[in-house]
Amino acid sequence: MENGAMKYIDAITGLRTVAVFVVFLCHSYVDFAPGGFIGVDVFFVISGYLITSILLNEVARTGTISIAGFTSAVPCGFCRLRFSAP
């Protein structure tokens, strides 16, 4: 990781996918997934780990945290933060 980029780990994406699927099953009223709300906790823990890793990597690389750099490094809905700010 010479350029400071995070290593992509397939297992993390798989765990997040399973967590979302469990929540989906719970909301679909499937009887064998009564504890599907736990998927929300798992999803947020994994997302928090990824976000913290990105921020710590940036601090180690540059000594500061740039909100613009953070939103460009995080895919999906977080990029919208840049455009929704006044």
C-alpha atoms as a PDB file:
ATOM      1  CA  MET A   1       0.000   0.000   0.000  1.00  0.00           C
ATOM      2  CA  GLU A   2       2.552   2.578  -1.099  1.00  0.00           C
ATOM      3  CA  ASN A   3      -0.058   5.117  -2.218  1.00  0.00           C
ATOM      4  CA  GLY A   4      -2.039   4.858   1.031  1.00  0.00           C
ATOM      5  CA  ALA A   5      -4.985   3.054  -0.556  1.00  0.00           C
ATOM      6  CA  MET A   6      -6.897   0.554   1.554  1.00  0.00           C
ATOM      7  CA  LYS A   7      -6.740  -3.094   0.650  1.00  0.00           C
ATOM      8  CA  TYR A   8     -10.118  -4.366  -0.570  1.00  0.00           C
ATOM      9  CA  ILE A   9     -11.356  -7.333   1.459  1.00  0.00           C
ATOM     10  CA  ASP A  10     -14.113  -9.421  -0.132  1.00  0.00           C
ATOM     11  CA  ALA A  11     -15.175 -10.881   3.220  1.00  0.00           C
ATOM     12  CA  ILE A  12     -16.177  -7.456   4.545  1.00  0.00           C
ATOM     13  CA  THR A  13     -18.407  -6.844   1.543  1.00  0.00           C
ATOM     14  CA  GLY A  14     -19.874 -10.313   2.006  1.00  0.00           C
ATOM     15  CA  LEU A  15     -20.659  -9.675   5.682  1.00  0.00           C
ATOM     16  CA  ARG A  16     -22.344  -6.384   4.862  1.00  0.00           C
ATOM     17  CA  THR A  17     -24.386  -8.113   2.170  1.00  0.00           C
ATOM     18  CA  VAL A  18     -25.491 -10.843   4.583  1.00  0.00           C
ATOM     19  CA  ALA A  19     -26.438  -8.190   7.169  1.00  0.00           C
ATOM     20  CA  VAL A  20     -28.615  -6.339   4.645  1.00  0.00           C
ATOM     21  CA  PHE A  21     -30.190  -9.601   3.503  1.00  0.00           C
ATOM     22  CA  VAL A  22     -31.075 -10.569   7.085  1.00  0.00           C
ATOM     23  CA  VAL A  23     -32.768  -7.190   7.582  1.00  0.00           C
ATOM     24  CA  PHE A  24     -34.640  -7.702   4.313  1.00  0.00           C
ATOM     25  CA  LEU A  25     -35.855 -11.121   5.481  1.00  0.00           C
ATOM     26  CA  CYS A  26     -36.978  -9.678   8.800  1.00  0.00           C
ATOM     27  CA  HIS A  27     -38.989  -6.982   7.049  1.00  0.00           C
ATOM     28  CA  SER A  28     -40.460  -9.608   4.736  1.00  0.00           C
ATOM     29  CA  TYR A  29     -41.958 -11.317   7.803  1.00  0.00           C
ATOM     30  CA  VAL A  30     -40.116 -14.568   7.177  1.00  0.00           C
ATOM     31  CA  ASP A  31     -40.575 -16.739  10.264  1.00  0.00           C
ATOM     32  CA  PHE A  32     -37.008 -18.042  10.432  1.00  0.00           C
ATOM     33  CA  ALA A  33     -35.486 -14.529  10.683  1.00  0.00           C
ATOM     34  CA  PRO A  34     -37.094 -13.001  13.779  1.00  0.00           C
ATOM     35  CA  GLY A  35     -33.835 -11.360  14.878  1.00  0.00           C
ATOM     36  CA  GLY A  36     -33.183  -9.615  11.589  1.00  0.00           C
ATOM     37  CA  PHE A  37     -32.751  -6.270  13.304  1.00  0.00           C
ATOM     38  CA  ILE A  38     -29.315  -7.508  14.391  1.00  0.00           C
ATOM     39  CA  GLY A  39     -28.297  -7.136  10.750  1.00  0.00           C
ATOM     40  CA  VAL A  40     -28.575  -3.360  11.169  1.00  0.00           C
ATOM     41  CA  ASP A  41     -26.090  -3.455  14.048  1.00  0.00           C
ATOM     42  CA  VAL A  42     -23.682  -5.642  12.078  1.00  0.00           C
ATOM     43  CA  PHE A  43     -23.947  -3.368   9.045  1.00  0.00           C
ATOM     44  CA  PHE A  44     -23.215  -0.238  11.089  1.00  0.00           C
ATOM     45  CA  VAL A  45     -20.297  -1.845  12.947  1.00  0.00           C
ATOM     46  CA  ILE A  46     -18.665  -2.905   9.690  1.00  0.00           C
ATOM     47  CA  SER A  47     -19.353   0.487   8.088  1.00  0.00           C
ATOM     48  CA  GLY A  48     -17.896   2.231  11.150  1.00  0.00           C
ATOM     49  CA  TYR A  49     -14.765   0.092  10.864  1.00  0.00           C
ATOM     50  CA  LEU A  50     -14.366   1.006   7.195  1.00  0.00           C
ATOM     51  CA  ILE A  51     -14.966   4.722   7.784  1.00  0.00           C
ATOM     52  CA  THR A  52     -12.534   4.789  10.712  1.00  0.00           C
ATOM     53  CA  SER A  53      -9.918   2.989   8.607  1.00  0.00           C
ATOM     54  CA  ILE A  54     -10.256   5.561   5.837  1.00  0.00           C
ATOM     55  CA  LEU A  55      -9.946   8.458   8.285  1.00  0.00           C
ATOM     56  CA  LEU A  56      -6.946   6.966  10.124  1.00  0.00           C
ATOM     57  CA  ASN A  57      -5.248   6.221   6.814  1.00  0.00           C
ATOM     58  CA  GLU A  58      -5.702   9.833   5.734  1.00  0.00           C
ATOM     59  CA  VAL A  59      -4.354  11.170   9.037  1.00  0.00           C
ATOM     60  CA  ALA A  60      -1.307   8.899   8.734  1.00  0.00           C
ATOM     61  CA  ARG A  61      -0.753   9.999   5.144  1.00  0.00           C
ATOM     62  CA  THR A  62      -1.434  13.751   5.362  1.00  0.00           C
ATOM     63  CA  GLY A  63      -1.656  14.613   9.059  1.00  0.00           C
ATOM     64  CA  THR A  64      -5.190  15.990   8.652  1.00  0.00           C
ATOM     65  CA  ILE A  65      -8.687  14.915   7.664  1.00  0.00           C
ATOM     66  CA  SER A  66     -10.196  16.511   4.589  1.00  0.00           C
ATOM     67  CA  ILE A  67     -13.990  16.259   4.335  1.00  0.00           C
ATOM     68  CA  ALA A  68     -13.749  16.605   0.548  1.00  0.00           C
ATOM     69  CA  GLY A  69     -11.159  13.826   0.428  1.00  0.00           C
ATOM     70  CA  PHE A  70     -13.254  11.643   2.715  1.00  0.00           C
ATOM     71  CA  THR A  71     -16.429  11.961   0.664  1.00  0.00           C
ATOM     72  CA  SER A  72     -14.538  11.173  -2.538  1.00  0.00           C
ATOM     73  CA  ALA A  73     -12.973   8.067  -0.923  1.00  0.00           C
ATOM     74  CA  VAL A  74     -16.236   6.624   0.420  1.00  0.00           C
ATOM     75  CA  PRO A  75     -18.558   5.158  -2.204  1.00  0.00           C
ATOM     76  CA  CYS A  76     -22.363   5.271  -2.263  1.00  0.00           C
ATOM     77  CA  GLY A  77     -24.516   7.700  -0.300  1.00  0.00           C
ATOM     78  CA  PHE A  78     -21.709   9.480   1.519  1.00  0.00           C
ATOM     79  CA  CYS A  79     -20.719  11.261  -1.693  1.00  0.00           C
ATOM     80  CA  ARG A  80     -24.037  13.071  -1.589  1.00  0.00           C
ATOM     81  CA  LEU A  81     -22.921  14.837   1.597  1.00  0.00           C
ATOM     82  CA  ARG A  82     -20.697  17.018  -0.532  1.00  0.00           C
ATOM     83  CA  PHE A  83     -23.598  18.187  -2.656  1.00  0.00           C
ATOM     84  CA  SER A  84     -26.177  18.537   0.100  1.00  0.00           C
ATOM     85  CA  ALA A  85     -24.136  20.976   2.188  1.00  0.00           C
ATOM     86  CA  PRO A  86     -25.197  24.626   1.816  1.00  0.00           C
END
